[in-house]
Protein backbone atom coordinates (compact mmCIF):
# COMPACT_ATOMS: atom_id res chain seq x y z
CA MET A 1 -0.13 -0.01 -0.13
CA GLY A 2 1.37 3.47 -0.50
CA ALA A 3 1.44 6.38 -3.36
CA GLY A 4 4.51 6.09 -5.54
CA HIS A 5 5.48 10.07 -5.19
CA ALA A 6 5.23 12.73 -2.62
CA HIS A 7 2.06 14.78 -3.06
CA ARG A 8 2.78 18.85 -3.58
CA LEU A 9 1.77 19.45 -0.02
CA TYR A 10 4.15 17.62 1.65
CA ARG A 11 7.51 19.35 2.08
CA HIS A 12 10.79 17.49 2.83
CA GLY A 13 12.27 17.66 6.07
CA HIS A 14 14.12 16.05 8.73
CA SER A 15 12.19 17.58 11.90
CA PRO A 16 10.89 16.30 14.45
CA VAL A 17 7.72 16.64 13.60
CA HIS A 18 8.34 14.99 10.33
CA ALA A 19 9.85 11.90 12.83
CA LEU A 20 6.73 11.56 14.48
CA PRO A 21 4.20 8.19 13.42
CA PRO A 22 2.11 9.35 11.65
CA HIS A 23 -1.02 7.95 13.12
CA THR A 24 0.12 10.01 16.15
CA LYS A 25 0.17 13.42 14.14
CA LEU A 26 -3.50 12.17 12.89
CA ALA A 27 -4.69 11.67 16.17
CA ALA A 28 -3.18 15.15 17.29
CA THR A 29 -4.60 16.71 14.68
CA PHE A 30 -8.02 15.37 14.67
CA ALA A 31 -8.28 16.15 18.67
CA PHE A 32 -6.77 19.55 17.82
CA VAL A 33 -9.35 20.36 15.70
CA VAL A 34 -12.21 18.79 17.85
CA VAL A 35 -10.79 21.52 20.29
CA VAL A 36 -11.23 24.41 18.47
CA VAL A 37 -14.54 23.36 17.24
CA SER A 38 -15.68 23.18 21.05
CA THR A 39 -14.19 26.58 21.61
CA PRO A 40 -17.45 29.34 22.40
CA ARG A 41 -16.66 32.08 19.52
CA GLU A 42 -16.88 34.62 22.17
CA ALA A 43 -13.36 33.77 23.30
CA MET A 44 -11.52 35.56 20.55
CA TRP A 45 -8.36 35.67 22.58
CA ALA A 46 -8.15 31.24 22.58
CA PHE A 47 -8.30 31.46 18.99
CA GLY A 48 -5.00 33.58 19.02
CA GLY A 49 -3.61 31.01 21.44
CA TYR A 50 -4.37 28.28 19.14
CA ALA A 51 -2.92 29.90 16.65
CA ALA A 52 0.19 30.68 18.41
CA LEU A 53 0.43 26.50 19.03
CA LEU A 54 0.31 26.17 15.44
CA GLY A 55 2.86 28.79 15.02
CA VAL A 56 5.29 26.89 17.45
CA VAL A 57 4.45 23.38 15.30
CA ALA A 58 5.52 25.03 12.19
CA PHE A 59 8.52 26.24 13.76
CA ARG A 60 9.63 22.95 15.10
CA ALA A 61 8.48 21.71 11.84
CA ARG A 62 11.04 24.17 10.31
CA VAL A 63 7.73 24.74 7.61
CA PRO A 64 7.85 28.88 6.48
CA ALA A 65 5.32 31.25 6.97
CA GLY A 66 4.94 31.92 3.45
CA PHE A 67 4.42 27.94 2.33
CA LEU A 68 1.36 28.03 5.20
CA LEU A 69 0.06 31.23 4.14
CA LYS A 70 0.11 30.20 -0.01
CA ARG A 71 -1.69 26.76 1.35
CA LEU A 72 -4.06 28.24 3.38
CA LEU A 73 -5.98 30.13 0.04
CA ILE A 74 -8.11 26.79 -0.11
CA GLU A 75 -10.20 28.31 2.16
CA VAL A 76 -10.97 30.92 -0.21
CA PRO A 77 -14.87 29.78 -0.68
CA PHE A 78 -15.44 29.91 2.75
CA VAL A 79 -14.26 33.21 3.51
CA ALA A 80 -16.43 34.56 0.76
CA PHE A 81 -19.21 32.78 2.50
CA ALA A 82 -18.21 34.10 5.85
CA VAL A 83 -18.47 37.76 4.33
CA LEU A 84 -21.94 37.29 3.36
CA MET A 85 -23.34 35.94 6.32
CA PRO A 86 -23.56 39.35 8.34
CA PHE A 87 -25.78 41.03 5.24
CA VAL A 88 -28.43 38.45 4.73
CA ALA A 89 -28.56 36.79 8.20
CA GLU A 90 -31.78 37.88 10.44
CA GLY A 91 -31.56 39.51 13.86
CA GLU A 92 -30.24 42.48 15.69
CA ARG A 93 -28.75 44.73 12.93
CA VAL A 94 -25.43 47.12 14.13
CA ASP A 95 -24.21 49.88 11.36
CA VAL A 96 -20.68 49.35 10.54
CA LEU A 97 -19.16 51.87 8.27
CA GLY A 98 -22.36 52.78 7.12
CA MET A 99 -23.35 49.32 5.83
CA SER A 100 -26.25 47.59 8.48
CA LEU A 101 -25.07 44.19 9.46
CA SER A 102 -26.46 41.33 11.62
CA VAL A 103 -24.79 41.06 14.88
CA ASN A 104 -25.73 37.25 14.84
CA GLY A 105 -24.30 37.04 11.18
CA LEU A 106 -20.85 39.01 12.52
CA TRP A 107 -20.28 36.62 15.16
CA GLY A 108 -21.26 33.84 12.94
CA ALA A 109 -18.75 34.84 10.71
CA TRP A 110 -16.04 35.10 13.01
CA ASN A 111 -16.62 31.92 14.01
CA VAL A 112 -15.98 30.15 10.43
CA LEU A 113 -13.40 32.31 9.91
CA ALA A 114 -11.43 31.38 12.98
CA LYS A 115 -12.25 28.15 13.50
CA GLY A 116 -12.02 27.21 9.88
CA THR A 117 -8.65 28.56 9.14
CA LEU A 118 -7.53 26.85 12.32
CA GLY A 119 -8.41 23.86 11.37
CA VAL A 120 -7.06 24.14 7.49
CA ALA A 121 -4.09 25.26 9.12
CA ALA A 122 -3.35 22.36 11.29
CA SER A 123 -4.36 19.93 8.19
CA VAL A 124 -1.82 21.83 6.09
CA LEU A 125 1.04 21.22 8.33
CA LEU A 126 -0.02 17.29 9.06
CA ALA A 127 -0.10 17.13 5.17
CA ALA A 128 3.55 19.08 5.08
CA THR A 129 4.95 16.72 7.85
CA THR A 130 3.61 13.30 6.68
CA GLU A 131 3.69 11.64 3.07
CA LEU A 132 1.18 10.59 1.51
CA ARG A 133 1.82 6.67 2.41
CA GLU A 134 2.41 7.28 5.83
CA ILE A 135 -0.84 9.06 6.19
CA LEU A 136 -2.63 5.60 4.77
CA LEU A 137 -0.27 3.53 7.30
CA GLY A 138 -1.24 5.48 10.22
CA LEU A 139 -4.95 5.48 9.23
CA GLN A 140 -4.90 1.67 9.19
CA ARG A 141 -3.06 1.78 12.38
CA LEU A 142 -6.29 4.08 13.82
CA LYS A 143 -8.25 1.19 12.67
CA LEU A 144 -9.89 2.72 9.90
CA PRO A 145 -12.40 0.54 8.31
CA PRO A 146 -9.91 -1.04 5.57
CA LEU A 147 -12.02 -1.16 2.63
CA LEU A 148 -12.07 2.95 3.03
CA VAL A 149 -8.16 2.71 3.62
CA GLN A 150 -7.96 0.75 0.30
CA ILE A 151 -10.22 3.19 -1.63
CA ALA A 152 -7.97 6.11 -0.34
CA SER A 153 -5.04 4.08 -1.46
CA PHE A 154 -6.50 3.55 -5.08
CA MET A 155 -7.21 7.44 -5.32
CA ILE A 156 -4.12 8.26 -4.64
CA ARG A 157 -2.73 5.63 -6.42
CA TYR A 158 -4.33 5.97 -9.71
CA GLY A 159 -5.19 10.09 -9.71
CA ASP A 160 -2.26 10.77 -11.90
CA VAL A 161 -3.21 8.55 -14.15
CA ILE A 162 -6.59 9.86 -14.81
CA THR A 163 -5.38 13.31 -14.77
CA ASP A 164 -2.93 11.97 -17.41
CA GLU A 165 -5.78 10.29 -19.36
CA MET A 166 -7.52 14.09 -19.50
CA ARG A 167 -4.60 15.85 -20.50
CA ARG A 168 -4.16 13.47 -23.43
CA MET A 169 -8.00 13.97 -24.53
CA ARG A 170 -7.56 17.82 -23.79
CA ILE A 171 -4.44 17.71 -26.87
CA ALA A 172 -6.44 15.74 -28.74
CA ARG A 173 -8.99 17.64 -28.90
CA GLU A 174 -6.74 20.72 -29.65
CA SER A 175 -4.73 19.08 -32.38
CA ARG A 176 -8.16 18.63 -34.25
CA GLY A 177 -8.92 22.64 -33.88
CA PHE A 178 -11.32 22.71 -31.10
CA GLU A 179 -11.60 25.31 -28.38
CA ALA A 180 -14.30 25.64 -25.88
CA SER A 181 -15.92 28.98 -26.09
CA GLY A 182 -19.10 28.99 -25.26
CA VAL A 183 -22.37 27.12 -24.29
CA LYS A 184 -22.23 25.45 -28.02
CA HIS A 185 -19.20 23.57 -26.86
CA TRP A 186 -20.84 22.07 -23.72
CA GLY A 187 -21.75 18.78 -25.68
CA VAL A 188 -17.98 18.19 -26.90
CA LEU A 189 -17.16 18.41 -23.21
CA ALA A 190 -19.79 16.32 -21.68
CA LYS A 191 -19.17 13.83 -24.15
CA SER A 192 -15.47 13.61 -23.53
CA ALA A 193 -16.37 13.26 -19.71
CA GLY A 194 -18.48 10.32 -20.48
CA ALA A 195 -15.78 8.89 -22.42
CA LEU A 196 -13.35 9.31 -19.62
CA PHE A 197 -15.72 7.76 -17.34
CA ILE A 198 -15.72 4.61 -19.28
CA ARG A 199 -11.94 4.58 -20.17
CA SER A 200 -11.72 4.81 -15.97
CA TYR A 201 -14.25 2.14 -15.25
CA GLU A 202 -12.47 0.09 -17.72
CA ARG A 203 -9.36 0.09 -16.67
CA GLY A 204 -10.58 -0.40 -12.95
CA GLU A 205 -12.14 -3.68 -14.06
CA ARG A 206 -8.68 -4.46 -15.55
CA VAL A 207 -6.68 -3.51 -12.40
CA HIS A 208 -9.75 -5.29 -10.32
CA LEU A 209 -9.30 -8.54 -12.48
CA ALA A 210 -5.60 -8.46 -12.38
CA MET A 211 -5.20 -8.01 -8.59
CA VAL A 212 -8.10 -11.28 -8.30
CA SER A 213 -5.33 -13.37 -10.36
CA ARG A 214 -2.52 -12.72 -7.85
CA GLY A 215 -4.69 -13.64 -5.12
CA TYR A 216 -6.68 -10.78 -3.72
CA ALA A 217 -9.39 -11.41 -1.40
CA GLY A 218 -10.75 -8.15 -0.28
CA ALA A 219 -7.99 -7.19 2.03
CA MET A 220 -4.84 -5.34 1.14
CA PRO A 221 -1.29 -7.01 2.63
CA VAL A 222 0.02 -4.83 5.31
CA ILE A 223 3.57 -3.81 4.73
CA ASP A 224 4.90 -1.80 7.10
CA GLU A 225 3.51 -1.95 10.78
CA VAL A 226 4.17 1.56 12.51
CA THR A 227 4.50 1.78 15.98
CA ALA A 228 4.77 4.85 18.59
CA SER A 229 6.59 5.03 21.56
CA ARG A 230 4.57 6.46 24.79
CA ALA A 231 7.39 9.67 24.58
CA GLN A 232 6.02 10.16 20.74
CA TRP A 233 2.70 9.97 21.56
CA SER A 234 3.10 12.48 24.74
CA TYR A 235 5.12 14.75 21.92
CA ALA A 236 2.33 14.68 19.47
CA LEU A 237 -0.59 15.00 21.58
CA ALA A 238 0.93 17.92 23.37
CA LEU A 239 -0.69 20.18 20.49
CA PRO A 240 -4.29 19.19 21.51
CA LEU A 241 -3.53 18.83 25.36
CA SER A 242 -2.43 22.43 25.60
CA ALA A 243 -5.27 23.41 23.42
CA LEU A 244 -7.76 21.85 25.79
CA VAL A 245 -6.13 23.96 28.64
CA VAL A 246 -7.09 27.14 26.28
CA CYS A 247 -10.51 25.86 25.83
CA VAL A 248 -11.35 25.21 29.13
CA LEU A 249 -9.73 28.85 29.83
CA GLY A 250 -12.31 30.04 27.49
CA TRP A 251 -15.40 28.50 28.74
CA THR A 252 -14.59 29.74 32.82
CA LEU A 253 -13.11 33.24 32.12
């Protein structure tokens, strides 16, 4: 099981965070996100504390701020949604710079932006310090249903194959003078999508038959068994435990 190459979010390094077993990092990231989501939105200072904790992790992982900020752009659609909330939400209104905004909408926008950004940042740090193959091994170690792990493994392995197939089809269309410039060309694109689906389905059938002929019986063999010491677990869980302290203070203060 595994991917044959590193993904684009991964940043090669030899930091203490890179060296942690993958399942400890997965568990720590999940626990951190749960703690962040459980924090009351009114405790604005708490989210600053979470950001500081992630900054410490990025420093220990030797992940530059530019690398992290560039990949946070993936949440732009959520930012656009949050910006609209103060204008469309109902309830008490308040004037801000001459605009009538909903108080509940403002709190909702802050809630989405703060928690969403921290969750994405934690995920980016996980991806930047863990290769895809290690993530799959970590999920397997955490007892995720084997079928889901296999599906993820095949998605990673054959994603580039499908992308390359799309590239060849695009080159074939362009070599024949095709250029999508309006609604009238949607039919050609729809036929291309259908052809890609058929080719992918047929390729999946051939792969499955090849696996069955080699003894596949519904479960992939475990190639590597990843383990973690108590010290490694303690190091990985330092992030969510510190965040839990901030969360408790946010509810009590």
